Amino acid sequence: MREYGMEHGYVRVKICGVTRPEDARVAEAAGADAVGVVMFSDSPRSIGPDEAAAVFSALGPFTARVVVTHTTSPEDLARVLALHPTAVQISYPHGVPTGCGTAVMRVVGRERPAPPLHADAYIVDESMGRGHLFDPASARSFVEESRVPVVLAGGLTPENVRAAVRAVRPYAVDVCSGVEIEPGVKDPALVRAFVAAVKG
């Protein structure tokens, strides 16, 4: 079985919880592979469809666009998919229509086993934007056992992400609160430092 972890030393970076087009441009210029927005959630970073579209429009054609949602509503999910994101990250066990052109990321963790639903990737995320550190042993086991790519999230910062990558060897890392001035407002220096720590 193929291990979907880091390949040839390359780990992808997603800057998540972006609420402003200017922060999206900073993330892309720093070398992020993906930019994420939060929609239909009780998170302080949750934004509406028009704001999400503005964030995505600020990006160039080769940067992935990801929507994170905790909604239980199929109607909300349909509004998310109408934005045609590269991927949707969902914590509720929604079925996502095949052929919609959007990859599906399912949330897993110590208390959240991989669901029997289709997933193009898993994200080990017990933090949900709260900055809680991931469990290294659990995260590594997901990487070793997964048949699809695994993204690592939870408590990552420019200071600890390099060690996290060495310990877990994920396909990608995802940061939100670890590069913020306040919820939803990114610190350009921290964003650049985070990407450099992963890829430098």
Protein backbone atom coordinates (compact mmCIF):
# COMPACT_ATOMS: atom_id res chain seq x y z
CA MET A 1 0.00 0.00 0.00
CA ARG A 2 1.29 3.42 -0.90
CA GLU A 3 1.94 5.77 2.01
CA TYR A 4 0.50 9.19 1.19
CA GLY A 5 2.91 11.24 3.22
CA MET A 6 5.56 13.71 2.20
CA GLU A 7 7.16 12.82 -1.11
CA HIS A 8 10.77 13.64 -1.94
CA GLY A 9 10.87 16.02 1.03
CA TYR A 10 8.05 18.18 -0.35
CA VAL A 11 5.19 19.11 1.97
CA ARG A 12 2.32 21.30 0.82
CA VAL A 13 1.06 24.25 2.88
CA LYS A 14 -2.50 25.48 3.38
CA ILE A 15 -3.14 28.82 5.07
CA CYS A 16 -6.65 28.57 6.47
CA GLY A 17 -9.26 30.83 8.03
CA VAL A 18 -8.54 33.60 5.54
CA THR A 19 -11.18 36.34 5.60
CA ARG A 20 -9.57 39.08 3.49
CA PRO A 21 -8.31 39.19 -0.11
CA GLU A 22 -5.10 40.89 0.99
CA ASP A 23 -4.28 37.97 3.29
CA ALA A 24 -4.90 35.55 0.45
CA ARG A 25 -2.40 37.43 -1.69
CA VAL A 26 0.16 37.38 1.14
CA ALA A 27 -0.24 33.61 1.54
CA GLU A 28 0.16 32.99 -2.17
CA ALA A 29 3.19 35.27 -2.45
CA ALA A 30 4.78 33.45 0.50
CA GLY A 31 4.52 30.16 -1.39
CA ALA A 32 1.38 28.57 0.08
CA ASP A 33 -0.09 25.82 -2.07
CA ALA A 34 -3.65 26.40 -0.86
CA VAL A 35 -5.77 29.07 0.82
CA GLY A 36 -8.75 28.12 2.93
CA VAL A 37 -11.87 29.98 3.98
CA VAL A 38 -14.41 28.97 6.63
CA MET A 39 -18.12 29.05 5.79
CA PHE A 40 -21.35 28.11 7.59
CA SER A 41 -19.61 27.61 10.92
CA ASP A 42 -19.72 29.15 14.38
CA SER A 43 -16.04 30.05 13.99
CA PRO A 44 -15.19 33.77 14.28
CA ARG A 45 -13.50 33.32 10.88
CA SER A 46 -16.68 32.21 9.14
CA ILE A 47 -17.53 34.33 6.10
CA GLY A 48 -20.34 34.41 3.56
CA PRO A 49 -20.35 33.31 -0.08
CA ASP A 50 -19.62 36.80 -1.44
CA GLU A 51 -16.65 37.29 0.90
CA ALA A 52 -15.33 33.83 0.09
CA ALA A 53 -15.60 34.54 -3.62
CA ALA A 54 -13.61 37.75 -3.12
CA VAL A 55 -10.85 35.86 -1.28
CA PHE A 56 -10.66 33.23 -4.02
CA SER A 57 -10.69 35.86 -6.77
CA ALA A 58 -7.53 37.40 -5.27
CA LEU A 59 -5.59 34.21 -6.04
CA GLY A 60 -3.81 33.14 -9.18
CA PRO A 61 -4.88 30.09 -11.19
CA PHE A 62 -2.43 27.62 -9.65
CA THR A 63 -3.26 28.14 -5.96
CA ALA A 64 -5.82 25.72 -4.55
CA ARG A 65 -9.00 27.11 -3.02
CA VAL A 66 -10.46 25.23 -0.05
CA VAL A 67 -13.72 25.77 1.83
CA VAL A 68 -13.93 24.48 5.42
CA THR A 69 -17.45 24.01 6.74
CA HIS A 70 -19.04 22.47 9.81
CA THR A 71 -22.60 22.79 8.55
CA THR A 72 -25.16 20.03 8.90
CA SER A 73 -27.30 21.57 6.15
CA PRO A 74 -27.27 20.14 2.61
CA GLU A 75 -28.43 23.55 1.38
CA ASP A 76 -25.37 25.23 2.90
CA LEU A 77 -23.14 22.60 1.33
CA ALA A 78 -24.73 23.32 -2.04
CA ARG A 79 -23.85 27.02 -1.60
CA VAL A 80 -20.27 26.00 -0.85
CA LEU A 81 -20.03 23.82 -3.93
CA ALA A 82 -21.48 26.64 -6.05
CA LEU A 83 -18.19 28.48 -5.48
CA HIS A 84 -16.40 25.63 -7.30
CA PRO A 85 -13.59 25.32 -4.74
CA THR A 86 -10.67 23.01 -5.43
CA ALA A 87 -11.63 21.09 -2.28
CA VAL A 88 -14.19 21.16 0.50
CA GLN A 89 -13.24 20.15 4.04
CA ILE A 90 -16.26 18.87 5.93
CA SER A 91 -16.64 17.57 9.47
CA TYR A 92 -20.29 16.45 9.16
CA PRO A 93 -20.81 13.19 7.20
CA HIS A 94 -22.32 14.78 4.13
CA GLY A 95 -22.50 12.89 0.90
CA VAL A 96 -20.95 15.01 -1.83
CA PRO A 97 -22.24 14.58 -5.39
CA THR A 98 -19.83 12.73 -7.63
CA GLY A 99 -18.71 14.67 -10.64
CA CYS A 100 -19.02 18.05 -8.92
CA GLY A 101 -15.37 18.84 -9.67
CA THR A 102 -14.49 19.43 -6.00
CA ALA A 103 -12.24 17.17 -3.94
CA VAL A 104 -13.52 16.07 -0.53
CA MET A 105 -11.46 16.25 2.67
CA ARG A 106 -12.84 14.44 5.72
CA VAL A 107 -11.83 15.36 9.27
CA VAL A 108 -10.31 12.60 11.42
CA GLY A 109 -8.73 12.42 14.87
CA ARG A 110 -8.30 10.27 17.97
CA GLU A 111 -12.03 10.40 18.71
CA ARG A 112 -13.06 10.63 15.06
CA PRO A 113 -12.21 7.57 12.96
CA ALA A 114 -12.16 7.75 9.19
CA PRO A 115 -15.80 7.63 8.00
CA PRO A 116 -16.96 5.06 5.44
CA LEU A 117 -17.76 7.88 3.01
CA HIS A 118 -15.73 8.85 -0.02
CA ALA A 119 -12.70 11.03 0.74
CA ASP A 120 -9.99 12.33 -1.53
CA ALA A 121 -7.92 13.28 1.53
CA TYR A 122 -8.11 13.24 5.32
CA ILE A 123 -7.19 16.06 7.65
CA VAL A 124 -6.04 15.19 11.17
CA ASP A 125 -7.63 18.12 12.96
CA GLU A 126 -8.80 17.95 16.56
CA SER A 127 -8.21 21.67 16.98
CA MET A 128 -10.82 23.19 14.62
CA GLY A 129 -8.97 26.50 14.56
CA ARG A 130 -8.54 26.71 18.33
CA GLY A 131 -4.79 26.16 18.32
CA HIS A 132 -4.87 22.82 20.18
CA LEU A 133 -1.80 20.73 19.42
CA PHE A 134 -2.24 17.49 17.47
CA ASP A 135 -1.26 14.09 18.90
CA PRO A 136 1.91 12.99 17.04
CA ALA A 137 1.47 9.22 17.46
CA SER A 138 -2.15 9.28 16.32
CA ALA A 139 -1.37 11.56 13.38
CA ARG A 140 1.53 9.39 12.25
CA SER A 141 -0.64 6.27 12.35
CA PHE A 142 -3.19 7.97 10.08
CA VAL A 143 -0.43 8.81 7.61
CA GLU A 144 0.90 5.25 7.64
CA GLU A 145 -2.50 3.61 7.22
CA SER A 146 -4.30 6.00 4.87
CA ARG A 147 -4.97 5.17 1.24
CA VAL A 148 -5.37 8.88 0.47
CA PRO A 149 -3.25 11.96 1.33
CA VAL A 150 -3.26 13.11 4.95
CA VAL A 151 -3.08 16.76 6.01
CA LEU A 152 -1.81 17.69 9.48
CA ALA A 153 -3.45 20.51 11.46
CA GLY A 154 -3.73 21.64 15.05
CA GLY A 155 -1.49 23.95 17.04
CA LEU A 156 1.07 24.44 14.28
CA THR A 157 3.27 27.54 14.33
CA PRO A 158 6.39 28.72 12.51
CA GLU A 159 8.36 27.50 15.53
CA ASN A 160 7.08 23.92 15.70
CA VAL A 161 6.01 22.98 12.18
CA ARG A 162 9.40 21.72 11.01
CA ALA A 163 9.56 19.23 13.90
CA ALA A 164 5.94 18.25 13.25
CA VAL A 165 6.71 17.48 9.62
CA ARG A 166 9.68 15.33 10.61
CA ALA A 167 7.62 13.42 13.18
CA VAL A 168 4.47 12.84 11.13
CA ARG A 169 5.60 13.12 7.48
CA PRO A 170 2.21 14.36 6.20
CA TYR A 171 1.23 15.16 2.64
CA ALA A 172 0.46 18.74 3.73
CA VAL A 173 0.20 20.98 6.77
CA ASP A 174 -2.61 23.37 7.60
CA VAL A 175 -2.29 26.46 9.78
CA CYS A 176 -4.88 28.94 10.99
CA SER A 177 -4.48 30.56 14.42
CA GLY A 178 -0.71 30.01 14.41
CA VAL A 179 -0.18 32.81 11.87
CA GLU A 180 -2.76 35.33 13.09
CA ILE A 181 -2.80 38.75 14.71
CA GLU A 182 -6.41 38.10 15.71
CA PRO A 183 -9.02 35.60 14.51
CA GLY A 184 -9.34 35.97 10.75
CA VAL A 185 -6.51 38.49 10.35
CA LYS A 186 -3.18 37.01 9.25
CA ASP A 187 0.25 38.32 10.20
CA PRO A 188 2.27 38.53 6.96
CA ALA A 189 5.56 37.93 8.78
CA LEU A 190 4.21 34.80 10.48
CA VAL A 191 2.74 33.51 7.21
CA ARG A 192 6.08 33.91 5.47
CA ALA A 193 7.93 32.34 8.40
CA PHE A 194 5.57 29.36 8.46
CA VAL A 195 5.93 28.60 4.76
CA ALA A 196 9.71 29.04 4.96
CA ALA A 197 9.90 26.66 7.94
CA VAL A 198 8.09 23.97 5.94
CA LYS A 199 9.80 24.47 2.60
CA GLY A 200 13.07 26.18 3.47
